Amino acid sequence: MNPTNFDGQHVTVSGTTQYVRAKTSHRGDDYETFSLCEQACVNVFTWGYPQVAEGKRLTVNGTFEAVKHVSRYTFHNEIDADEGSL
């Protein structure tokens, strides 16, 4: 699978959660990141703290970006989860 084939596409992906991290941005906004893994893993970003549990089977809807630039940071192969999709 070539990730660039899905760049900018709205996708639905299922897998098992790994590497769940709850964080707060420099602006004070809460968010979580995690990997969703099946045969391969994809990174997921979501605003707020939906309290995703490590090792949980989950389906995520959102927009996939092969390369995303946010301020000085660059993210690769990440889904921005739709609001309320978790």
Protein backbone atom coordinates (compact mmCIF):
# COMPACT_ATOMS: atom_id res chain seq x y z
CA MET A 1 0.00 0.00 0.00
CA ASN A 2 1.33 3.40 -0.97
CA PRO A 3 0.19 6.02 1.57
CA THR A 4 0.25 8.83 -1.00
CA ASN A 5 -2.61 7.08 -2.83
CA PHE A 6 -4.85 8.00 0.14
CA ASP A 7 -3.52 11.52 0.75
CA GLY A 8 -6.39 13.90 1.48
CA GLN A 9 -8.97 11.10 1.35
CA HIS A 10 -11.66 10.46 3.96
CA VAL A 11 -10.98 6.93 5.23
CA THR A 12 -12.33 4.34 7.65
CA VAL A 13 -9.67 2.18 9.30
CA SER A 14 -9.98 -0.58 11.91
CA GLY A 15 -7.30 -2.08 14.09
CA THR A 16 -5.89 -2.44 17.58
CA THR A 17 -4.71 0.65 19.46
CA GLN A 18 -1.07 1.00 20.48
CA TYR A 19 1.13 3.79 21.85
CA VAL A 20 -1.78 5.86 23.24
CA ARG A 21 -0.65 9.28 24.47
CA ALA A 22 -2.80 12.05 25.99
CA LYS A 23 -1.18 15.47 25.61
CA THR A 24 -1.85 19.19 25.88
CA SER A 25 -0.61 21.60 23.22
CA HIS A 26 1.35 24.78 23.97
CA ARG A 27 -1.94 26.65 23.46
CA GLY A 28 -3.64 24.55 26.15
CA ASP A 29 -5.68 22.31 23.81
CA ASP A 30 -6.07 18.66 24.84
CA TYR A 31 -5.47 15.90 22.28
CA GLU A 32 -4.62 12.23 21.99
CA THR A 33 -2.42 10.37 19.54
CA PHE A 34 -2.17 6.65 19.01
CA SER A 35 -1.32 4.03 16.42
CA LEU A 36 -4.04 1.86 14.93
CA CYS A 37 -2.55 -1.45 13.84
CA GLU A 38 -3.74 -4.38 11.75
CA GLN A 39 -1.25 -5.68 9.16
CA ALA A 40 0.47 -2.28 9.35
CA CYS A 41 0.03 0.73 11.63
CA VAL A 42 -1.29 4.22 10.94
CA ASN A 43 -1.04 7.17 13.32
CA VAL A 44 -4.25 8.81 14.56
CA PHE A 45 -4.76 12.31 15.98
CA THR A 46 -7.90 13.43 17.80
CA TRP A 47 -8.81 16.55 19.77
CA GLY A 48 -9.79 16.14 23.43
CA TYR A 49 -9.31 13.07 25.59
CA PRO A 50 -11.63 10.35 24.31
CA GLN A 51 -9.77 7.98 26.66
CA VAL A 52 -8.72 5.45 24.06
CA ALA A 53 -7.49 2.31 25.82
CA GLU A 54 -4.27 0.54 24.85
CA GLY A 55 -4.97 -2.75 23.04
CA LYS A 56 -8.60 -1.87 22.22
CA ARG A 57 -10.14 -2.86 18.88
CA LEU A 58 -11.34 0.38 17.25
CA THR A 59 -12.67 1.80 13.98
CA VAL A 60 -11.69 5.38 13.11
CA ASN A 61 -13.14 7.69 10.47
CA GLY A 62 -11.12 10.69 9.38
CA THR A 63 -8.95 12.41 6.81
CA PHE A 64 -5.63 10.76 5.96
CA GLU A 65 -2.60 12.91 5.25
CA ALA A 66 0.66 11.42 3.98
CA VAL A 67 2.57 14.52 5.14
CA LYS A 68 1.13 17.19 7.43
CA HIS A 69 2.88 20.37 8.56
CA VAL A 70 1.74 22.04 11.78
CA SER A 71 3.87 25.02 12.75
CA ARG A 72 7.43 23.68 12.94
CA TYR A 73 6.33 20.02 13.20
CA THR A 74 5.94 17.50 10.40
CA PHE A 75 3.74 14.41 10.74
CA HIS A 76 3.68 11.42 8.40
CA ASN A 77 0.89 8.95 7.54
CA GLU A 78 -1.65 10.30 10.01
CA ILE A 79 -5.45 10.26 10.21
CA ASP A 80 -7.15 13.32 11.70
CA ALA A 81 -10.12 11.61 13.33
CA ASP A 82 -13.56 13.08 12.68
CA GLU A 83 -15.06 14.84 15.69
CA GLY A 84 -17.12 12.35 17.69
CA SER A 85 -15.92 9.32 15.70
CA LEU A 86 -14.24 7.59 18.67
